PDB file of N, CA and C in Angstrom:
ATOM      1  N   MET A   1     112.612 -93.311-145.040  1.00  0.00           N
ATOM      2  CA  MET A   1     112.883 -93.817-146.368  1.00  0.00           C
ATOM      3  C   MET A   1     111.903 -94.932-146.723  1.00  0.00           C
ATOM      4  N   LYS A   2     111.588 -95.741-145.745  1.00  0.00           N
ATOM      5  CA  LYS A   2     110.659 -96.848-145.986  1.00  0.00           C
ATOM      6  C   LYS A   2     109.320 -96.330-146.500  1.00  0.00           C
ATOM      7  N   LYS A   3     108.809 -95.276-145.885  1.00  0.00           N
ATOM      8  CA  LYS A   3     107.520 -94.713-146.279  1.00  0.00           C
ATOM      9  C   LYS A   3     107.591 -94.121-147.683  1.00  0.00           C
ATOM     10  N   VAL A   4     108.690 -93.476-148.012  1.00  0.00           N
ATOM     11  CA  VAL A   4     108.864 -92.907-149.350  1.00  0.00           C
ATOM     12  C   VAL A   4     108.818 -94.021-150.390  1.00  0.00           C
ATOM     13  N   ILE A   5     109.558 -95.083-150.157  1.00  0.00           N
ATOM     14  CA  ILE A   5     109.574 -96.214-151.090  1.00  0.00           C
ATOM     15  C   ILE A   5     108.177 -96.803-151.233  1.00  0.00           C
ATOM     16  N   GLU A   6     107.527 -96.990-150.109  1.00  0.00           N
ATOM     17  CA  GLU A   6     106.179 -97.563-150.114  1.00  0.00           C
ATOM     18  C   GLU A   6     105.202 -96.702-150.915  1.00  0.00           C
ATOM     19  N   ASP A   7     105.339 -95.383-150.783  1.00  0.00           N
ATOM     20  CA  ASP A   7     104.399 -94.455-151.423  1.00  0.00           C
ATOM     21  C   ASP A   7     104.638 -94.242-152.915  1.00  0.00           C
ATOM     22  N   VAL A   8     105.899 -94.269-153.354  1.00  0.00           N
ATOM     23  CA  VAL A   8     106.163 -93.877-154.745  1.00  0.00           C
ATOM     24  C   VAL A   8     106.683 -94.985-155.660  1.00  0.00           C
ATOM     25  N   VAL A   9     107.137 -96.081-155.096  1.00  0.00           N
ATOM     26  CA  VAL A   9     107.712 -97.142-155.931  1.00  0.00           C
ATOM     27  C   VAL A   9     106.619 -98.123-156.343  1.00  0.00           C
ATOM     28  N   ASP A  10     106.610 -98.439-157.616  1.00  0.00           N
ATOM     29  CA  ASP A  10     105.656 -99.397-158.174  1.00  0.00           C
ATOM     30  C   ASP A  10     106.252-100.796-158.058  1.00  0.00           C
ATOM     31  N   PRO A  11     105.649-101.667-157.264  1.00  0.00           N
ATOM     32  CA  PRO A  11     106.206-103.008-157.096  1.00  0.00           C
ATOM     33  C   PRO A  11     106.291-103.793-158.404  1.00  0.00           C
ATOM     34  N   GLU A  12     105.461-103.438-159.366  1.00  0.00           N
ATOM     35  CA  GLU A  12     105.487-104.129-160.658  1.00  0.00           C
ATOM     36  C   GLU A  12     106.795-103.836-161.408  1.00  0.00           C
ATOM     37  N   VAL A  13     107.279-102.619-161.302  1.00  0.00           N
ATOM     38  CA  VAL A  13     108.544-102.253-161.943  1.00  0.00           C
ATOM     39  C   VAL A  13     109.696-103.004-161.283  1.00  0.00           C
ATOM     40  N   ILE A  14     109.665-103.073-159.966  1.00  0.00           N
ATOM     41  CA  ILE A  14     110.711-103.787-159.228  1.00  0.00           C
ATOM     42  C   ILE A  14     110.641-105.277-159.536  1.00  0.00           C
ATOM     43  N   TRP A  15     109.436-105.797-159.672  1.00  0.00           N
ATOM     44  CA  TRP A  15     109.260-107.215-159.966  1.00  0.00           C
ATOM     45  C   TRP A  15     109.975-107.617-161.259  1.00  0.00           C
ATOM     46  N   LYS A  16     109.968-106.757-162.245  1.00  0.00           N
ATOM     47  CA  LYS A  16     110.638-107.079-163.514  1.00  0.00           C
ATOM     48  C   LYS A  16     112.118-107.364-163.288  1.00  0.00           C
ATOM     49  N   GLU A  17     112.741-106.613-162.405  1.00  0.00           N
ATOM     50  CA  GLU A  17     114.158-106.841-162.090  1.00  0.00           C
ATOM     51  C   GLU A  17     114.343-108.119-161.270  1.00  0.00           C
ATOM     52  N   ILE A  18     113.453-108.339-160.322  1.00  0.00           N
ATOM     53  CA  ILE A  18     113.525-109.548-159.490  1.00  0.00           C
ATOM     54  C   ILE A  18     113.299-110.786-160.349  1.00  0.00           C
ATOM     55  N   ASP A  19     112.260-110.742-161.166  1.00  0.00           N
ATOM     56  CA  ASP A  19     111.921-111.894-162.007  1.00  0.00           C
ATOM     57  C   ASP A  19     113.011-112.185-163.033  1.00  0.00           C
ATOM     58  N   ASN A  20     113.711-111.152-163.464  1.00  0.00           N
ATOM     59  CA  ASN A  20     114.804-111.312-164.417  1.00  0.00           C
ATOM     60  C   ASN A  20     115.962-112.123-163.834  1.00  0.00           C
ATOM     61  N   ASP A  21     116.084-112.139-162.510  1.00  0.00           N
ATOM     62  CA  ASP A  21     117.152-112.879-161.830  1.00  0.00           C
ATOM     63  C   ASP A  21     116.543-113.761-160.736  1.00  0.00           C
ATOM     64  N   ARG A  22     115.460-114.396-161.090  1.00  0.00           N
ATOM     65  CA  ARG A  22     114.631-115.160-160.150  1.00  0.00           C
ATOM     66  C   ARG A  22     115.420-116.177-159.316  1.00  0.00           C
ATOM     67  N   LEU A  23     116.256-116.984-159.939  1.00  0.00           N
ATOM     68  CA  LEU A  23     116.986-118.015-159.188  1.00  0.00           C
ATOM     69  C   LEU A  23     117.884-117.409-158.120  1.00  0.00           C
ATOM     70  N   PHE A  24     118.499-116.291-158.425  1.00  0.00           N
ATOM     71  CA  PHE A  24     119.342-115.612-157.445  1.00  0.00           C
ATOM     72  C   PHE A  24     118.519-115.147-156.247  1.00  0.00           C
ATOM     73  N   PHE A  25     117.416-114.456-156.516  1.00  0.00           N
ATOM     74  CA  PHE A  25     116.608-113.896-155.435  1.00  0.00           C
ATOM     75  C   PHE A  25     115.804-114.953-154.677  1.00  0.00           C
ATOM     76  N   ALA A  26     115.692-116.138-155.226  1.00  0.00           N
ATOM     77  CA  ALA A  26     114.983-117.232-154.554  1.00  0.00           C
ATOM     78  C   ALA A  26     115.934-118.142-153.781  1.00  0.00           C
ATOM     79  N   SER A  27     117.196-117.761-153.710  1.00  0.00           N
ATOM     80  CA  SER A  27     118.199-118.575-153.028  1.00  0.00           C
ATOM     81  C   SER A  27     118.710-117.881-151.774  1.00  0.00           C
ATOM     82  N   GLU A  28     119.102-118.697-150.796  1.00  0.00           N
ATOM     83  CA  GLU A  28     119.771-118.144-149.620  1.00  0.00           C
ATOM     84  C   GLU A  28     121.179-117.722-150.033  1.00  0.00           C
ATOM     85  N   LEU A  29     121.612-116.579-149.542  1.00  0.00           N
ATOM     86  CA  LEU A  29     122.947-116.078-149.865  1.00  0.00           C
ATOM     87  C   LEU A  29     123.834-116.147-148.639  1.00  0.00           C
ATOM     88  N   LYS A  30     124.998-116.745-148.821  1.00  0.00           N
ATOM     89  CA  LYS A  30     126.003-116.799-147.756  1.00  0.00           C
ATOM     90  C   LYS A  30     127.201-116.000-148.228  1.00  0.00           C
ATOM     91  N   PHE A  31     127.504-114.949-147.503  1.00  0.00           N
ATOM     92  CA  PHE A  31     128.589-114.055-147.868  1.00  0.00           C
ATOM     93  C   PHE A  31     129.867-114.414-147.129  1.00  0.00           C
ATOM     94  N   ASP A  32     131.005-114.095-147.741  1.00  0.00           N
ATOM     95  CA  ASP A  32     132.278-114.204-147.037  1.00  0.00           C
ATOM     96  C   ASP A  32     132.206-113.246-145.852  1.00  0.00           C
ATOM     97  N   GLY A  33     132.456-113.748-144.681  1.00  0.00           N
ATOM     98  CA  GLY A  33     132.348-112.961-143.461  1.00  0.00           C
ATOM     99  C   GLY A  33     131.266-113.507-142.541  1.00  0.00           C
ATOM    100  N   GLY A  34     130.495-114.504-143.044  1.00  0.00           N
ATOM    101  CA  GLY A  34     129.510-115.166-142.209  1.00  0.00           C
ATOM    102  C   GLY A  34     128.093-114.634-142.293  1.00  0.00           C
ATOM    103  N   PHE A  35     127.882-113.539-142.984  1.00  0.00           N
ATOM    104  CA  PHE A  35     126.542-112.961-143.113  1.00  0.00           C
ATOM    105  C   PHE A  35     125.700-113.832-144.041  1.00  0.00           C
ATOM    106  N   THR A  36     124.485-114.133-143.629  1.00  0.00           N
ATOM    107  CA  THR A  36     123.566-114.932-144.434  1.00  0.00           C
ATOM    108  C   THR A  36     122.280-114.149-144.650  1.00  0.00           C
ATOM    109  N   LEU A  37     121.765-114.256-145.856  1.00  0.00           N
ATOM    110  CA  LEU A  37     120.538-113.557-146.225  1.00  0.00           C
ATOM    111  C   LEU A  37     119.545-114.587-146.731  1.00  0.00           C
ATOM    112  N   SER A  38     118.355-114.603-146.153  1.00  0.00           N
ATOM    113  CA  SER A  38     117.330-115.547-146.589  1.00  0.00           C
ATOM    114  C   SER A  38     116.796-115.128-147.957  1.00  0.00           C
ATOM    115  N   PRO A  39     116.182-116.045-148.689  1.00  0.00           N
ATOM    116  CA  PRO A  39     115.665-115.705-150.019  1.00  0.00           C
ATOM    117  C   PRO A  39     114.661-114.555-149.958  1.00  0.00           C
ATOM    118  N   LEU A  40     114.710-113.695-150.940  1.00  0.00           N
ATOM    119  CA  LEU A  40     113.762-112.585-151.035  1.00  0.00           C
ATOM    120  C   LEU A  40     112.403-113.086-151.489  1.00  0.00           C
ATOM    121  N   ILE A  41     112.402-114.059-152.392  1.00  0.00           N
ATOM    122  CA  ILE A  41     111.160-114.624-152.932  1.00  0.00           C
ATOM    123  C   ILE A  41     111.240-116.139-152.905  1.00  0.00           C
ATOM    124  N   GLY A  42     110.099-116.763-153.079  1.00  0.00           N
ATOM    125  CA  GLY A  42     110.064-118.201-153.265  1.00  0.00           C
ATOM    126  C   GLY A  42     110.209-118.522-154.742  1.00  0.00           C
ATOM    127  N   LYS A  43     110.558-119.729-155.052  1.00  0.00           N
ATOM    128  CA  LYS A  43     110.728-120.122-156.453  1.00  0.00           C
ATOM    129  C   LYS A  43     109.435-119.988-157.264  1.00  0.00           C
ATOM    130  N   ASP A  44     108.308-120.060-156.586  1.00  0.00           N
ATOM    131  CA  ASP A  44     107.017-119.981-157.285  1.00  0.00           C
ATOM    132  C   ASP A  44     106.306-118.645-157.091  1.00  0.00           C
ATOM    133  N   THR A  45     107.016-117.634-156.612  1.00  0.00           N
ATOM    134  CA  THR A  45     106.417-116.309-156.408  1.00  0.00           C
ATOM    135  C   THR A  45     105.972-115.724-157.747  1.00  0.00           C
ATOM    136  N   THR A  46     104.772-115.159-157.748  1.00  0.00           N
ATOM    137  CA  THR A  46     104.226-114.510-158.941  1.00  0.00           C
ATOM    138  C   THR A  46     104.179-112.998-158.717  1.00  0.00           C
ATOM    139  N   LEU A  47     103.866-112.266-159.769  1.00  0.00           N
ATOM    140  CA  LEU A  47     103.717-110.813-159.643  1.00  0.00           C
ATOM    141  C   LEU A  47     102.664-110.476-158.596  1.00  0.00           C
ATOM    142  N   GLU A  48     101.557-111.169-158.624  1.00  0.00           N
ATOM    143  CA  GLU A  48     100.480-110.885-157.664  1.00  0.00           C
ATOM    144  C   GLU A  48     100.927-111.153-156.229  1.00  0.00           C
ATOM    145  N   THR A  49     101.665-112.218-156.025  1.00  0.00           N
ATOM    146  CA  THR A  49     102.201-112.511-154.689  1.00  0.00           C
ATOM    147  C   THR A  49     103.187-111.435-154.279  1.00  0.00           C
ATOM    148  N   TRP A  50     104.059-111.043-155.211  1.00  0.00           N
ATOM    149  CA  TRP A  50     105.059-110.017-154.949  1.00  0.00           C
ATOM    150  C   TRP A  50     104.409-108.718-154.492  1.00  0.00           C
ATOM    151  N   LYS A  51     103.329-108.324-155.141  1.00  0.00           N
ATOM    152  CA  LYS A  51     102.647-107.074-154.804  1.00  0.00           C
ATOM    153  C   LYS A  51     102.158-107.060-153.353  1.00  0.00           C
ATOM    154  N   THR A  52     101.842-108.221-152.813  1.00  0.00           N
ATOM    155  CA  THR A  52     101.342-108.280-151.440  1.00  0.00           C
ATOM    156  C   THR A  52     102.458-108.383-150.408  1.00  0.00           C
ATOM    157  N   MET A  53     103.671-108.778-150.825  1.00  0.00           N
ATOM    158  CA  MET A  53     104.719-109.031-149.834  1.00  0.00           C
ATOM    159  C   MET A  53     105.996-108.223-150.019  1.00  0.00           C
ATOM    160  N   TRP A  54     106.070-107.425-151.080  1.00  0.00           N
ATOM    161  CA  TRP A  54     107.338-106.760-151.391  1.00  0.00           C
ATOM    162  C   TRP A  54     107.796-105.799-150.312  1.00  0.00           C
ATOM    163  N   MET A  55     106.843-105.116-149.691  1.00  0.00           N
ATOM    164  CA  MET A  55     107.170-104.252-148.559  1.00  0.00           C
ATOM    165  C   MET A  55     106.574-104.874-147.315  1.00  0.00           C
ATOM    166  N   PRO A  56     107.279-105.030-146.266  1.00  0.00           N
ATOM    167  CA  PRO A  56     108.597-104.483-145.965  1.00  0.00           C
ATOM    168  C   PRO A  56     109.765-105.426-146.305  1.00  0.00           C
ATOM    169  N   LYS A  57     109.485-106.570-146.928  1.00  0.00           N
ATOM    170  CA  LYS A  57     110.543-107.568-147.123  1.00  0.00           C
ATOM    171  C   LYS A  57     111.750-107.032-147.897  1.00  0.00           C
ATOM    172  N   LEU A  58     111.520-106.359-149.005  1.00  0.00           N
ATOM    173  CA  LEU A  58     112.631-105.826-149.796  1.00  0.00           C
ATOM    174  C   LEU A  58     113.402-104.777-149.002  1.00  0.00           C
ATOM    175  N   TYR A  59     112.693-103.885-148.365  1.00  0.00           N
ATOM    176  CA  TYR A  59     113.331-102.835-147.573  1.00  0.00           C
ATOM    177  C   TYR A  59     114.198-103.443-146.468  1.00  0.00           C
ATOM    178  N   GLU A  60     113.661-104.425-145.772  1.00  0.00           N
ATOM    179  CA  GLU A  60     114.402-105.065-144.684  1.00  0.00           C
ATOM    180  C   GLU A  60     115.643-105.781-145.207  1.00  0.00           C
ATOM    181  N   GLN A  61     115.530-106.409-146.371  1.00  0.00           N
ATOM    182  CA  GLN A  61     116.681-107.108-146.924  1.00  0.00           C
ATOM    183  C   GLN A  61     117.786-106.122-147.331  1.00  0.00           C
ATOM    184  N   LEU A  62     117.401-105.033-147.958  1.00  0.00           N
ATOM    185  CA  LEU A  62     118.397-104.022-148.331  1.00  0.00           C
ATOM    186  C   LEU A  62     119.038-103.396-147.088  1.00  0.00           C
ATOM    187  N   THR A  63     118.263-103.200-146.054  1.00  0.00           N
ATOM    188  CA  THR A  63     118.795-102.660-144.801  1.00  0.00           C
ATOM    189  C   THR A  63     119.780-103.638-144.166  1.00  0.00           C
ATOM    190  N   ARG A  64     119.459-104.920-144.206  1.00  0.00           N
ATOM    191  CA  ARG A  64     120.366-105.932-143.647  1.00  0.00           C
ATOM    192  C   ARG A  64     121.681-105.976-144.419  1.00  0.00           C
ATOM    193  N   ILE A  65     121.608-105.853-145.743  1.00  0.00           N
ATOM    194  CA  ILE A  65     122.837-105.821-146.541  1.00  0.00           C
ATOM    195  C   ILE A  65     123.674-104.608-146.147  1.00  0.00           C
ATOM    196  N   ARG A  66     123.035-103.466-146.055  1.00  0.00           N
ATOM    197  CA  ARG A  66     123.741-102.248-145.654  1.00  0.00           C
ATOM    198  C   ARG A  66     124.409-102.422-144.299  1.00  0.00           C
ATOM    199  N   ASN A  67     123.680-102.983-143.354  1.00  0.00           N
ATOM    200  CA  ASN A  67     124.243-103.186-142.018  1.00  0.00           C
ATOM    201  C   ASN A  67     125.401-104.178-142.038  1.00  0.00           C
ATOM    202  N   GLY A  68     125.289-105.229-142.855  1.00  0.00           N
ATOM    203  CA  GLY A  68     126.377-106.203-142.974  1.00  0.00           C
ATOM    204  C   GLY A  68     127.643-105.578-143.524  1.00  0.00           C
ATOM    205  N   LEU A  69     127.491-104.619-144.415  1.00  0.00           N
ATOM    206  CA  LEU A  69     128.648-103.918-144.973  1.00  0.00           C
ATOM    207  C   LEU A  69     129.245-102.935-143.968  1.00  0.00           C
ATOM    208  N   VAL A  70     128.398-102.167-143.322  1.00  0.00           N
ATOM    209  CA  VAL A  70     128.864-101.150-142.377  1.00  0.00           C
ATOM    210  C   VAL A  70     129.518-101.785-141.158  1.00  0.00           C
ATOM    211  N   HIS A  71     128.910-102.822-140.624  1.00  0.00           N
ATOM    212  CA  HIS A  71     129.456-103.447-139.426  1.00  0.00           C
ATOM    213  C   HIS A  71     130.764-104.159-139.700  1.00  0.00           C
ATOM    214  N   ALA A  72     131.013-104.524-140.950  1.00  0.00           N
ATOM    215  CA  ALA A  72     132.309-105.110-141.292  1.00  0.00           C
ATOM    216  C   ALA A  72     133.411-104.078-141.077  1.00  0.00           C
ATOM    217  N   ARG A  73     133.114-102.823-141.392  1.00  0.00           N
ATOM    218  CA  ARG A  73     134.099-101.755-141.194  1.00  0.00           C
ATOM    219  C   ARG A  73     134.276-101.432-139.712  1.00  0.00           C
ATOM    220  N   GLU A  74     133.185-101.531-138.968  1.00  0.00           N
ATOM    221  CA  GLU A  74     133.227-101.164-137.553  1.00  0.00           C
ATOM    222  C   GLU A  74     133.660-102.317-136.663  1.00  0.00           C
ATOM    223  N   ARG A  75     133.587-103.534-137.192  1.00  0.00           N
ATOM    224  CA  ARG A  75     133.926-104.751-136.447  1.00  0.00           C
ATOM    225  C   ARG A  75     133.071-104.931-135.195  1.00  0.00           C
ATOM    226  N   ARG A  76     131.818-104.486-135.266  1.00  0.00           N
ATOM    227  CA  ARG A  76     130.894-104.649-134.141  1.00  0.00           C
ATOM    228  C   ARG A  76     130.190-105.993-134.188  1.00  0.00           C
ATOM    229  N   GLU A  77     130.168-106.608-135.337  1.00  0.00           N
ATOM    230  CA  GLU A  77     129.378-107.816-135.552  1.00  0.00           C
ATOM    231  C   GLU A  77     130.300-108.912-136.065  1.00  0.00           C
ATOM    232  N   ASN A  78     130.014-110.163-135.703  1.00  0.00           N
ATOM    233  CA  ASN A  78     130.858-111.246-136.195  1.00  0.00           C
ATOM    234  C   ASN A  78     130.326-111.859-137.484  1.00  0.00           C
ATOM    235  N   ARG A  79     129.140-111.494-137.908  1.00  0.00           N
ATOM    236  CA  ARG A  79     128.580-111.946-139.189  1.00  0.00           C
ATOM    237  C   ARG A  79     128.433-110.727-140.087  1.00  0.00           C
ATOM    238  N   VAL A  80     129.385-110.570-140.976  1.00  0.00           N
ATOM    239  CA  VAL A  80     129.452-109.364-141.791  1.00  0.00           C
ATOM    240  C   VAL A  80     129.629-109.731-143.269  1.00  0.00           C
ATOM    241  N   ILE A  81     129.608-108.728-144.114  1.00  0.00           N
ATOM    242  CA  ILE A  81     129.901-108.888-145.540  1.00  0.00           C
ATOM    243  C   ILE A  81     131.281-108.285-145.765  1.00  0.00           C
ATOM    244  N   LEU A  82     132.250-109.150-145.976  1.00  0.00           N
ATOM    245  CA  LEU A  82     133.613-108.685-146.186  1.00  0.00           C
ATOM    246  C   LEU A  82     133.790-108.156-147.607  1.00  0.00           C
ATOM    247  N   PRO A  83     134.735-107.249-147.807  1.00  0.00           N
ATOM    248  CA  PRO A  83     134.977-106.693-149.148  1.00  0.00           C
ATOM    249  C   PRO A  83     135.792-107.660-150.014  1.00  0.00           C
ATOM    250  N   THR A  84     135.128-108.677-150.531  1.00  0.00           N
ATOM    251  CA  THR A  84     135.791-109.660-151.382  1.00  0.00           C
ATOM    252  C   THR A  84     135.176-109.628-152.782  1.00  0.00           C
ATOM    253  N   PRO A  85     135.897-110.079-153.784  1.00  0.00           N
ATOM    254  CA  PRO A  85     135.330-110.122-155.136  1.00  0.00           C
ATOM    255  C   PRO A  85     134.036-110.949-155.203  1.00  0.00           C
ATOM    256  N   ARG A  86     133.988-112.050-154.492  1.00  0.00           N
ATOM    257  CA  ARG A  86     132.787-112.902-154.475  1.00  0.00           C
ATOM    258  C   ARG A  86     131.594-112.131-153.913  1.00  0.00           C
ATOM    259  N   ASN A  87     131.797-111.431-152.808  1.00  0.00           N
ATOM    260  CA  ASN A  87     130.712-110.634-152.224  1.00  0.00           C
ATOM    261  C   ASN A  87     130.314-109.482-153.132  1.00  0.00           C
ATOM    262  N   ASN A  88     131.287-108.866-153.785  1.00  0.00           N
ATOM    263  CA  ASN A  88     130.979-107.767-154.710  1.00  0.00           C
ATOM    264  C   ASN A  88     130.057-108.242-155.829  1.00  0.00           C
ATOM    265  N   LYS A  89     130.306-109.430-156.351  1.00  0.00           N
ATOM    266  CA  LYS A  89     129.454-109.979-157.414  1.00  0.00           C
ATOM    267  C   LYS A  89     128.038-110.214-156.911  1.00  0.00           C
ATOM    268  N   ARG A  90     127.914-110.710-155.701  1.00  0.00           N
ATOM    269  CA  ARG A  90     126.578-110.961-155.143  1.00  0.00           C
ATOM    270  C   ARG A  90     125.819-109.657-154.921  1.00  0.00           C
ATOM    271  N   ILE A  91     126.475-108.704-154.347  1.00  0.00           N
ATOM    272  CA  ILE A  91     125.812-107.433-154.082  1.00  0.00           C
ATOM    273  C   ILE A  91     125.447-106.732-155.389  1.00  0.00           C
ATOM    274  N   SER A  92     126.271-106.891-156.402  1.00  0.00           N
ATOM    275  CA  SER A  92     125.995-106.228-157.686  1.00  0.00           C
ATOM    276  C   SER A  92     124.696-106.715-158.316  1.00  0.00           C
ATOM    277  N   ARG A  93     124.227-107.884-157.935  1.00  0.00           N
ATOM    278  CA  ARG A  93     122.961-108.394-158.466  1.00  0.00           C
ATOM    279  C   ARG A  93     121.775-107.594-157.938  1.00  0.00           C
ATOM    280  N   TYR A  94     121.976-106.854-156.858  1.00  0.00           N
ATOM    281  CA  TYR A  94     120.932-105.979-156.305  1.00  0.00           C
ATOM    282  C   TYR A  94     120.915-104.605-156.975  1.00  0.00           C
ATOM    283  N   GLU A  95     121.959-104.269-157.710  1.00  0.00           N
ATOM    284  CA  GLU A  95     122.054-102.938-158.307  1.00  0.00           C
ATOM    285  C   GLU A  95     120.883-102.589-159.215  1.00  0.00           C
ATOM    286  N   PRO A  96     120.408-103.487-160.090  1.00  0.00           N
ATOM    287  CA  PRO A  96     119.249-103.118-160.924  1.00  0.00           C
ATOM    288  C   PRO A  96     118.000-102.802-160.099  1.00  0.00           C
ATOM    289  N   VAL A  97     117.814-103.520-159.013  1.00  0.00           N
ATOM    290  CA  VAL A  97     116.658-103.281-158.138  1.00  0.00           C
ATOM    291  C   VAL A  97     116.790-101.912-157.470  1.00  0.00           C
ATOM    292  N   ILE A  98     117.959-101.633-156.939  1.00  0.00           N
ATOM    293  CA  ILE A  98     118.202-100.353-156.273  1.00  0.00           C
ATOM    294  C   ILE A  98     118.082 -99.205-157.274  1.00  0.00           C
ATOM    295  N   ALA A  99     118.590 -99.409-158.488  1.00  0.00           N
ATOM    296  CA  ALA A  99     118.505 -98.370-159.523  1.00  0.00           C
ATOM    297  C   ALA A  99     117.052 -98.057-159.860  1.00  0.00           C
ATOM    298  N   ARG A 100     116.209 -99.077-159.986  1.00  0.00           N
ATOM    299  CA  ARG A 100     114.787 -98.849-160.292  1.00  0.00           C
ATOM    300  C   ARG A 100     114.099 -98.104-159.160  1.00  0.00           C
ATOM    301  N   ILE A 101     114.427 -98.453-157.928  1.00  0.00           N
ATOM    302  CA  ILE A 101     113.846 -97.746-156.783  1.00  0.00           C
ATOM    303  C   ILE A 101     114.256 -96.271-156.838  1.00  0.00           C
ATOM    304  N   ALA A 102     115.542 -96.030-157.044  1.00  0.00           N
ATOM    305  CA  ALA A 102     116.048 -94.651-157.093  1.00  0.00           C
ATOM    306  C   ALA A 102     115.417 -93.869-158.246  1.00  0.00           C
ATOM    307  N   GLN A 103     115.276 -94.497-159.409  1.00  0.00           N
ATOM    308  CA  GLN A 103     114.657 -93.822-160.552  1.00  0.00           C
ATOM    309  C   GLN A 103     113.229 -93.402-160.244  1.00  0.00           C
ATOM    310  N   GLN A 104     112.485 -94.290-159.620  1.00  0.00           N
ATOM    311  CA  GLN A 104     111.089 -93.971-159.327  1.00  0.00           C
ATOM    312  C   GLN A 104     110.974 -92.871-158.285  1.00  0.00           C
ATOM    313  N   ILE A 105     111.860 -92.864-157.323  1.00  0.00           N
ATOM    314  CA  ILE A 105     111.857 -91.787-156.320  1.00  0.00           C
ATOM    315  C   ILE A 105     112.224 -90.456-156.980  1.00  0.00           C
ATOM    316  N   ALA A 106     113.212 -90.475-157.862  1.00  0.00           N
ATOM    317  CA  ALA A 106     113.625 -89.245-158.560  1.00  0.00           C
ATOM    318  C   ALA A 106     112.485 -88.713-159.422  1.00  0.00           C
ATOM    319  N   ILE A 107     111.812 -89.578-160.126  1.00  0.00           N
ATOM    320  CA  ILE A 107     110.696 -89.155-160.981  1.00  0.00           C
ATOM    321  C   ILE A 107     109.569 -88.578-160.132  1.00  0.00           C
ATOM    322  N   ALA A 108     109.258 -89.236-159.031  1.00  0.00           N
ATOM    323  CA  ALA A 108     108.171 -88.769-158.155  1.00  0.00           C
ATOM    324  C   ALA A 108     108.505 -87.427-157.534  1.00  0.00           C
ATOM    325  N   SER A 109     109.771 -87.170-157.269  1.00  0.00           N
ATOM    326  CA  SER A 109     110.149 -85.910-156.620  1.00  0.00           C
ATOM    327  C   SER A 109     110.035 -84.731-157.589  1.00  0.00           C
ATOM    328  N   ARG A 110     110.012 -85.005-158.895  1.00  0.00           N
ATOM    329  CA  ARG A 110     109.863 -83.951-159.896  1.00  0.00           C
ATOM    330  C   ARG A 110     108.402 -83.586-160.135  1.00  0.00           C
ATOM    331  N   GLU A 111     107.502 -84.455-159.755  1.00  0.00           N
ATOM    332  CA  GLU A 111     106.067 -84.239-160.009  1.00  0.00           C
ATOM    333  C   GLU A 111     105.457 -83.286-159.029  1.00  0.00           C
TER     334      GLU A 111
END
């Protein structure tokens, strides 16, 4: 999946979603359950900087979120993302980014 994203996703399109919620993505996130996520970008990150660092950083962050959710169900990890309203709101801020990635993959698969 990482290679597919790298090959077909335009970091500039993703940047528009990140930049639209810059303060959120530039902050450390602490989830109910003890899971912590470091900032995706710095407060002064530009489009040009993003283009050089977006992969694998974005992919790794999305993978960590997924693992935090899954391990909460399995109880294998003590730092997880619990199913709370507060955590749901935080995760929902990633939905526009994930939607743009999915759209670009869908479009590329039709070509």
